[in-house]
PDB file of N, CA and C in Angstrom:
ATOM      1  N   UNK A   1     -16.169  54.908 -37.924  1.00  0.00           N
ATOM      2  CA  UNK A   1     -15.110  55.886 -37.780  1.00  0.00           C
ATOM      3  C   UNK A   1     -14.527  56.193 -39.144  1.00  0.00           C
ATOM      4  N   UNK A   2     -14.281  57.428 -39.383  1.00  0.00           N
ATOM      5  CA  UNK A   2     -13.783  57.889 -40.672  1.00  0.00           C
ATOM      6  C   UNK A   2     -12.269  58.027 -40.644  1.00  0.00           C
ATOM      7  N   UNK A   3     -11.613  57.565 -41.690  1.00  0.00           N
ATOM      8  CA  UNK A   3     -10.163  57.719 -41.812  1.00  0.00           C
ATOM      9  C   UNK A   3      -9.902  59.078 -42.450  1.00  0.00           C
ATOM     10  N   UNK A   4      -9.283  59.979 -41.719  1.00  0.00           N
ATOM     11  CA  UNK A   4      -9.043  61.339 -42.216  1.00  0.00           C
ATOM     12  C   UNK A   4      -7.974  61.385 -43.312  1.00  0.00           C
ATOM     13  N   UNK A   5      -6.859  60.729 -43.096  1.00  0.00           N
ATOM     14  CA  UNK A   5      -5.784  60.714 -44.085  1.00  0.00           C
ATOM     15  C   UNK A   5      -5.426  59.253 -44.350  1.00  0.00           C
ATOM     16  N   UNK A   6      -6.064  58.654 -45.357  1.00  0.00           N
ATOM     17  CA  UNK A   6      -5.828  57.237 -45.611  1.00  0.00           C
ATOM     18  C   UNK A   6      -4.440  56.996 -46.204  1.00  0.00           C
ATOM     19  N   UNK A   7      -3.782  55.912 -45.791  1.00  0.00           N
ATOM     20  CA  UNK A   7      -2.495  55.585 -46.409  1.00  0.00           C
ATOM     21  C   UNK A   7      -2.741  55.131 -47.843  1.00  0.00           C
ATOM     22  N   UNK A   8      -2.018  55.690 -48.769  1.00  0.00           N
ATOM     23  CA  UNK A   8      -2.253  55.364 -50.168  1.00  0.00           C
ATOM     24  C   UNK A   8      -1.003  55.661 -50.981  1.00  0.00           C
ATOM     25  N   UNK A   9      -0.737  54.814 -51.969  1.00  0.00           N
ATOM     26  CA  UNK A   9       0.383  55.075 -52.866  1.00  0.00           C
ATOM     27  C   UNK A   9      -0.085  55.747 -54.157  1.00  0.00           C
ATOM     28  N   UNK A  10      -1.408  55.896 -54.315  1.00  0.00           N
ATOM     29  CA  UNK A  10      -1.956  56.564 -55.490  1.00  0.00           C
ATOM     30  C   UNK A  10      -1.868  58.076 -55.315  1.00  0.00           C
ATOM     31  N   UNK A  11      -2.142  58.787 -56.388  1.00  0.00           N
ATOM     32  CA  UNK A  11      -2.125  60.249 -56.316  1.00  0.00           C
ATOM     33  C   UNK A  11      -3.405  60.807 -55.714  1.00  0.00           C
ATOM     34  N   UNK A  12      -4.433  59.967 -55.579  1.00  0.00           N
ATOM     35  CA  UNK A  12      -5.675  60.402 -54.966  1.00  0.00           C
ATOM     36  C   UNK A  12      -6.424  59.232 -54.373  1.00  0.00           C
ATOM     37  N   UNK A  13      -7.178  59.508 -53.329  1.00  0.00           N
ATOM     38  CA  UNK A  13      -7.928  58.440 -52.658  1.00  0.00           C
ATOM     39  C   UNK A  13      -9.249  59.019 -52.155  1.00  0.00           C
ATOM     40  N   UNK A  14     -10.361  58.467 -52.624  1.00  0.00           N
ATOM     41  CA  UNK A  14     -11.684  58.909 -52.204  1.00  0.00           C
ATOM     42  C   UNK A  14     -12.113  58.093 -50.989  1.00  0.00           C
ATOM     43  N   UNK A  15     -12.561  58.771 -49.943  1.00  0.00           N
ATOM     44  CA  UNK A  15     -13.048  58.083 -48.749  1.00  0.00           C
ATOM     45  C   UNK A  15     -14.387  58.676 -48.354  1.00  0.00           C
ATOM     46  N   UNK A  16     -15.105  57.934 -47.535  1.00  0.00           N
ATOM     47  CA  UNK A  16     -16.387  58.431 -47.028  1.00  0.00           C
ATOM     48  C   UNK A  16     -16.567  57.949 -45.598  1.00  0.00           C
ATOM     49  N   UNK A  17     -17.322  58.742 -44.850  1.00  0.00           N
ATOM     50  CA  UNK A  17     -17.572  58.432 -43.453  1.00  0.00           C
ATOM     51  C   UNK A  17     -18.904  57.731 -43.280  1.00  0.00           C
ATOM     52  N   UNK A  18     -19.295  57.495 -42.055  1.00  0.00           N
ATOM     53  CA  UNK A  18     -20.564  56.820 -41.792  1.00  0.00           C
ATOM     54  C   UNK A  18     -21.756  57.722 -42.113  1.00  0.00           C
ATOM     55  N   UNK A  19     -22.904  57.104 -42.355  1.00  0.00           N
ATOM     56  CA  UNK A  19     -24.132  57.863 -42.577  1.00  0.00           C
ATOM     57  C   UNK A  19     -24.660  58.390 -41.250  1.00  0.00           C
ATOM     58  N   UNK A  20     -25.102  59.641 -41.273  1.00  0.00           N
ATOM     59  CA  UNK A  20     -25.730  60.209 -40.083  1.00  0.00           C
ATOM     60  C   UNK A  20     -27.187  59.753 -40.018  1.00  0.00           C
ATOM     61  N   UNK A  21     -27.861  60.110 -38.943  1.00  0.00           N
ATOM     62  CA  UNK A  21     -29.286  59.771 -38.810  1.00  0.00           C
ATOM     63  C   UNK A  21     -30.126  60.412 -39.912  1.00  0.00           C
ATOM     64  N   UNK A  22     -29.635  61.516 -40.470  1.00  0.00           N
ATOM     65  CA  UNK A  22     -30.349  62.203 -41.552  1.00  0.00           C
ATOM     66  C   UNK A  22     -29.966  61.687 -42.936  1.00  0.00           C
ATOM     67  N   UNK A  23     -29.046  60.717 -42.981  1.00  0.00           N
ATOM     68  CA  UNK A  23     -28.614  60.171 -44.265  1.00  0.00           C
ATOM     69  C   UNK A  23     -27.464  60.934 -44.899  1.00  0.00           C
ATOM     70  N   UNK A  24     -26.823  61.801 -44.141  1.00  0.00           N
ATOM     71  CA  UNK A  24     -25.685  62.549 -44.657  1.00  0.00           C
ATOM     72  C   UNK A  24     -24.394  61.766 -44.445  1.00  0.00           C
ATOM     73  N   UNK A  25     -23.444  61.966 -45.340  1.00  0.00           N
ATOM     74  CA  UNK A  25     -22.170  61.272 -45.258  1.00  0.00           C
ATOM     75  C   UNK A  25     -21.079  62.203 -45.792  1.00  0.00           C
ATOM     76  N   UNK A  26     -20.008  62.342 -45.034  1.00  0.00           N
ATOM     77  CA  UNK A  26     -18.915  63.185 -45.516  1.00  0.00           C
ATOM     78  C   UNK A  26     -18.043  62.383 -46.468  1.00  0.00           C
ATOM     79  N   UNK A  27     -17.770  62.964 -47.626  1.00  0.00           N
ATOM     80  CA  UNK A  27     -16.923  62.341 -48.638  1.00  0.00           C
ATOM     81  C   UNK A  27     -15.719  63.245 -48.833  1.00  0.00           C
ATOM     82  N   UNK A  28     -14.532  62.655 -48.854  1.00  0.00           N
ATOM     83  CA  UNK A  28     -13.316  63.446 -49.048  1.00  0.00           C
ATOM     84  C   UNK A  28     -12.417  62.790 -50.083  1.00  0.00           C
ATOM     85  N   UNK A  29     -11.579  63.594 -50.660  1.00  0.00           N
ATOM     86  CA  UNK A  29     -10.536  63.084 -51.548  1.00  0.00           C
ATOM     87  C   UNK A  29      -9.205  63.581 -50.995  1.00  0.00           C
ATOM     88  N   UNK A  30      -8.357  62.643 -50.616  1.00  0.00           N
ATOM     89  CA  UNK A  30      -6.982  62.979 -50.253  1.00  0.00           C
ATOM     90  C   UNK A  30      -6.176  62.865 -51.540  1.00  0.00           C
ATOM     91  N   UNK A  31      -5.428  63.888 -51.868  1.00  0.00           N
ATOM     92  CA  UNK A  31      -4.723  63.869 -53.142  1.00  0.00           C
ATOM     93  C   UNK A  31      -3.367  64.565 -53.021  1.00  0.00           C
ATOM     94  N   UNK A  32      -2.499  64.248 -53.946  1.00  0.00           N
ATOM     95  CA  UNK A  32      -1.175  64.859 -54.014  1.00  0.00           C
ATOM     96  C   UNK A  32      -1.297  66.150 -54.822  1.00  0.00           C
ATOM     97  N   UNK A  33      -1.185  67.267 -54.155  1.00  0.00           N
ATOM     98  CA  UNK A  33      -1.374  68.564 -54.827  1.00  0.00           C
ATOM     99  C   UNK A  33      -0.289  68.847 -55.857  1.00  0.00           C
ATOM    100  N   UNK A  34       0.778  68.072 -55.849  1.00  0.00           N
ATOM    101  CA  UNK A  34       1.827  68.259 -56.867  1.00  0.00           C
ATOM    102  C   UNK A  34       1.411  67.635 -58.192  1.00  0.00           C
ATOM    103  N   UNK A  35       0.431  66.738 -58.149  1.00  0.00           N
ATOM    104  CA  UNK A  35       0.002  66.014 -59.344  1.00  0.00           C
ATOM    105  C   UNK A  35      -1.386  66.445 -59.798  1.00  0.00           C
ATOM    106  N   UNK A  36      -2.263  66.752 -58.845  1.00  0.00           N
ATOM    107  CA  UNK A  36      -3.638  67.120 -59.167  1.00  0.00           C
ATOM    108  C   UNK A  36      -3.938  68.534 -58.698  1.00  0.00           C
ATOM    109  N   UNK A  37      -4.682  69.252 -59.500  1.00  0.00           N
ATOM    110  CA  UNK A  37      -5.103  70.611 -59.156  1.00  0.00           C
ATOM    111  C   UNK A  37      -6.337  70.529 -58.255  1.00  0.00           C
ATOM    112  N   UNK A  38      -6.385  71.352 -57.232  1.00  0.00           N
ATOM    113  CA  UNK A  38      -7.510  71.369 -56.311  1.00  0.00           C
ATOM    114  C   UNK A  38      -8.834  71.669 -56.982  1.00  0.00           C
ATOM    115  N   UNK A  39      -8.815  72.426 -58.061  1.00  0.00           N
ATOM    116  CA  UNK A  39     -10.044  72.741 -58.793  1.00  0.00           C
ATOM    117  C   UNK A  39     -10.636  71.460 -59.394  1.00  0.00           C
ATOM    118  N   UNK A  40      -9.770  70.602 -59.908  1.00  0.00           N
ATOM    119  CA  UNK A  40     -10.220  69.326 -60.477  1.00  0.00           C
ATOM    120  C   UNK A  40     -10.859  68.471 -59.378  1.00  0.00           C
ATOM    121  N   UNK A  41     -10.222  68.419 -58.222  1.00  0.00           N
ATOM    122  CA  UNK A  41     -10.739  67.635 -57.099  1.00  0.00           C
ATOM    123  C   UNK A  41     -12.095  68.189 -56.653  1.00  0.00           C
ATOM    124  N   UNK A  42     -12.224  69.496 -56.553  1.00  0.00           N
ATOM    125  CA  UNK A  42     -13.496  70.110 -56.174  1.00  0.00           C
ATOM    126  C   UNK A  42     -14.586  69.787 -57.195  1.00  0.00           C
ATOM    127  N   UNK A  43     -14.243  69.821 -58.468  1.00  0.00           N
ATOM    128  CA  UNK A  43     -15.207  69.485 -59.521  1.00  0.00           C
ATOM    129  C   UNK A  43     -15.653  68.022 -59.419  1.00  0.00           C
ATOM    130  N   UNK A  44     -14.722  67.136 -59.109  1.00  0.00           N
ATOM    131  CA  UNK A  44     -15.049  65.722 -58.952  1.00  0.00           C
ATOM    132  C   UNK A  44     -16.024  65.536 -57.795  1.00  0.00           C
ATOM    133  N   UNK A  45     -15.746  66.170 -56.667  1.00  0.00           N
ATOM    134  CA  UNK A  45     -16.629  66.050 -55.505  1.00  0.00           C
ATOM    135  C   UNK A  45     -18.008  66.636 -55.798  1.00  0.00           C
ATOM    136  N   UNK A  46     -18.063  67.743 -56.509  1.00  0.00           N
ATOM    137  CA  UNK A  46     -19.345  68.363 -56.852  1.00  0.00           C
ATOM    138  C   UNK A  46     -20.154  67.452 -57.777  1.00  0.00           C
ATOM    139  N   UNK A  47     -19.487  66.861 -58.773  1.00  0.00           N
ATOM    140  CA  UNK A  47     -20.186  65.962 -59.691  1.00  0.00           C
ATOM    141  C   UNK A  47     -20.680  64.717 -58.969  1.00  0.00           C
ATOM    142  N   UNK A  48     -19.903  64.211 -58.022  1.00  0.00           N
ATOM    143  CA  UNK A  48     -20.331  63.065 -57.226  1.00  0.00           C
ATOM    144  C   UNK A  48     -21.573  63.422 -56.419  1.00  0.00           C
ATOM    145  N   UNK A  49     -21.575  64.609 -55.811  1.00  0.00           N
ATOM    146  CA  UNK A  49     -22.731  65.047 -55.038  1.00  0.00           C
ATOM    147  C   UNK A  49     -23.977  65.153 -55.908  1.00  0.00           C
ATOM    148  N   UNK A  50     -23.839  65.732 -57.085  1.00  0.00           N
ATOM    149  CA  UNK A  50     -24.969  65.873 -58.007  1.00  0.00           C
ATOM    150  C   UNK A  50     -25.485  64.489 -58.414  1.00  0.00           C
ATOM    151  N   UNK A  51     -24.585  63.583 -58.733  1.00  0.00           N
ATOM    152  CA  UNK A  51     -24.979  62.234 -59.141  1.00  0.00           C
ATOM    153  C   UNK A  51     -25.729  61.521 -58.023  1.00  0.00           C
ATOM    154  N   UNK A  52     -25.207  61.616 -56.794  1.00  0.00           N
ATOM    155  CA  UNK A  52     -25.859  60.942 -55.672  1.00  0.00           C
ATOM    156  C   UNK A  52     -27.212  61.563 -55.338  1.00  0.00           C
ATOM    157  N   UNK A  53     -27.289  62.888 -55.354  1.00  0.00           N
ATOM    158  CA  UNK A  53     -28.523  63.562 -54.947  1.00  0.00           C
ATOM    159  C   UNK A  53     -29.588  63.602 -56.041  1.00  0.00           C
ATOM    160  N   UNK A  54     -29.173  63.427 -57.278  1.00  0.00           N
ATOM    161  CA  UNK A  54     -30.160  63.465 -58.361  1.00  0.00           C
ATOM    162  C   UNK A  54     -30.357  62.076 -58.965  1.00  0.00           C
ATOM    163  N   UNK A  55     -29.395  61.590 -59.705  1.00  0.00           N
ATOM    164  CA  UNK A  55     -29.548  60.336 -60.439  1.00  0.00           C
ATOM    165  C   UNK A  55     -29.817  59.151 -59.519  1.00  0.00           C
ATOM    166  N   UNK A  56     -28.949  58.931 -58.556  1.00  0.00           N
ATOM    167  CA  UNK A  56     -29.090  57.773 -57.674  1.00  0.00           C
ATOM    168  C   UNK A  56     -30.338  57.912 -56.806  1.00  0.00           C
ATOM    169  N   UNK A  57     -30.597  59.109 -56.294  1.00  0.00           N
ATOM    170  CA  UNK A  57     -31.785  59.332 -55.458  1.00  0.00           C
ATOM    171  C   UNK A  57     -33.064  59.025 -56.224  1.00  0.00           C
ATOM    172  N   UNK A  58     -33.152  59.493 -57.475  1.00  0.00           N
ATOM    173  CA  UNK A  58     -34.346  59.222 -58.286  1.00  0.00           C
ATOM    174  C   UNK A  58     -34.523  57.734 -58.548  1.00  0.00           C
ATOM    175  N   UNK A  59     -33.418  57.037 -58.807  1.00  0.00           N
ATOM    176  CA  UNK A  59     -33.493  55.595 -59.024  1.00  0.00           C
ATOM    177  C   UNK A  59     -33.998  54.881 -57.774  1.00  0.00           C
ATOM    178  N   UNK A  60     -33.508  55.306 -56.601  1.00  0.00           N
ATOM    179  CA  UNK A  60     -33.959  54.690 -55.356  1.00  0.00           C
ATOM    180  C   UNK A  60     -35.433  54.981 -55.085  1.00  0.00           C
ATOM    181  N   UNK A  61     -35.870  56.208 -55.362  1.00  0.00           N
ATOM    182  CA  UNK A  61     -37.279  56.543 -55.169  1.00  0.00           C
ATOM    183  C   UNK A  61     -38.176  55.723 -56.085  1.00  0.00           C
ATOM    184  N   UNK A  62     -37.753  55.517 -57.328  1.00  0.00           N
ATOM    185  CA  UNK A  62     -38.524  54.688 -58.259  1.00  0.00           C
ATOM    186  C   UNK A  62     -38.581  53.247 -57.777  1.00  0.00           C
ATOM    187  N   UNK A  63     -37.480  52.765 -57.253  1.00  0.00           N
ATOM    188  CA  UNK A  63     -37.431  51.399 -56.744  1.00  0.00           C
ATOM    189  C   UNK A  63     -38.386  51.229 -55.567  1.00  0.00           C
ATOM    190  N   UNK A  64     -38.387  52.186 -54.651  1.00  0.00           N
ATOM    191  CA  UNK A  64     -39.293  52.134 -53.501  1.00  0.00           C
ATOM    192  C   UNK A  64     -40.743  52.197 -53.968  1.00  0.00           C
ATOM    193  N   UNK A  65     -41.026  53.075 -54.926  1.00  0.00           N
ATOM    194  CA  UNK A  65     -42.398  53.207 -55.435  1.00  0.00           C
ATOM    195  C   UNK A  65     -42.856  51.921 -56.113  1.00  0.00           C
ATOM    196  N   UNK A  66     -41.999  51.303 -56.910  1.00  0.00           N
ATOM    197  CA  UNK A  66     -42.384  50.068 -57.588  1.00  0.00           C
ATOM    198  C   UNK A  66     -42.554  48.932 -56.579  1.00  0.00           C
ATOM    199  N   UNK A  67     -41.747  48.922 -55.553  1.00  0.00           N
ATOM    200  CA  UNK A  67     -41.868  47.902 -54.502  1.00  0.00           C
ATOM    201  C   UNK A  67     -43.194  48.070 -53.759  1.00  0.00           C
ATOM    202  N   UNK A  68     -43.568  49.303 -53.477  1.00  0.00           N
ATOM    203  CA  UNK A  68     -44.848  49.560 -52.791  1.00  0.00           C
ATOM    204  C   UNK A  68     -46.016  49.168 -53.679  1.00  0.00           C
ATOM    205  N   UNK A  69     -45.932  49.425 -54.976  1.00  0.00           N
ATOM    206  CA  UNK A  69     -46.989  49.069 -55.920  1.00  0.00           C
ATOM    207  C   UNK A  69     -47.168  47.565 -55.983  1.00  0.00           C
ATOM    208  N   UNK A  70     -46.083  46.835 -55.986  1.00  0.00           N
ATOM    209  CA  UNK A  70     -46.152  45.374 -56.031  1.00  0.00           C
ATOM    210  C   UNK A  70     -46.856  44.844 -54.790  1.00  0.00           C
ATOM    211  N   UNK A  71     -46.545  45.401 -53.638  1.00  0.00           N
ATOM    212  CA  UNK A  71     -47.160  44.941 -52.391  1.00  0.00           C
ATOM    213  C   UNK A  71     -48.624  45.378 -52.272  1.00  0.00           C
ATOM    214  N   UNK A  72     -48.995  46.483 -52.907  1.00  0.00           N
ATOM    215  CA  UNK A  72     -50.393  46.921 -52.878  1.00  0.00           C
ATOM    216  C   UNK A  72     -51.267  45.966 -53.698  1.00  0.00           C
ATOM    217  N   UNK A  73     -50.718  45.460 -54.793  1.00  0.00           N
ATOM    218  CA  UNK A  73     -51.460  44.551 -55.674  1.00  0.00           C
ATOM    219  C   UNK A  73     -51.633  43.190 -55.004  1.00  0.00           C
ATOM    220  N   UNK A  74     -50.627  42.750 -54.314  1.00  0.00           N
ATOM    221  CA  UNK A  74     -50.660  41.395 -53.702  1.00  0.00           C
ATOM    222  C   UNK A  74     -51.529  41.338 -52.533  1.00  0.00           C
TER     223      UNK A  74
END
């Protein structure tokens, strides 16, 4: 279950929901609009998405490939 509005004393709080069957996960940032600009928050979420879908995904694919190679040799 995803917490829609997490209790927080900080000016921003990043949360994420459960993974779907397709591997999708909703990520949100609850923030104080008096302190942070929404454009900054949107940029943060976009950069997180790019990092997860490119950098982290490639690292995981390499890990899976190297694991398969090790098992093929053995």
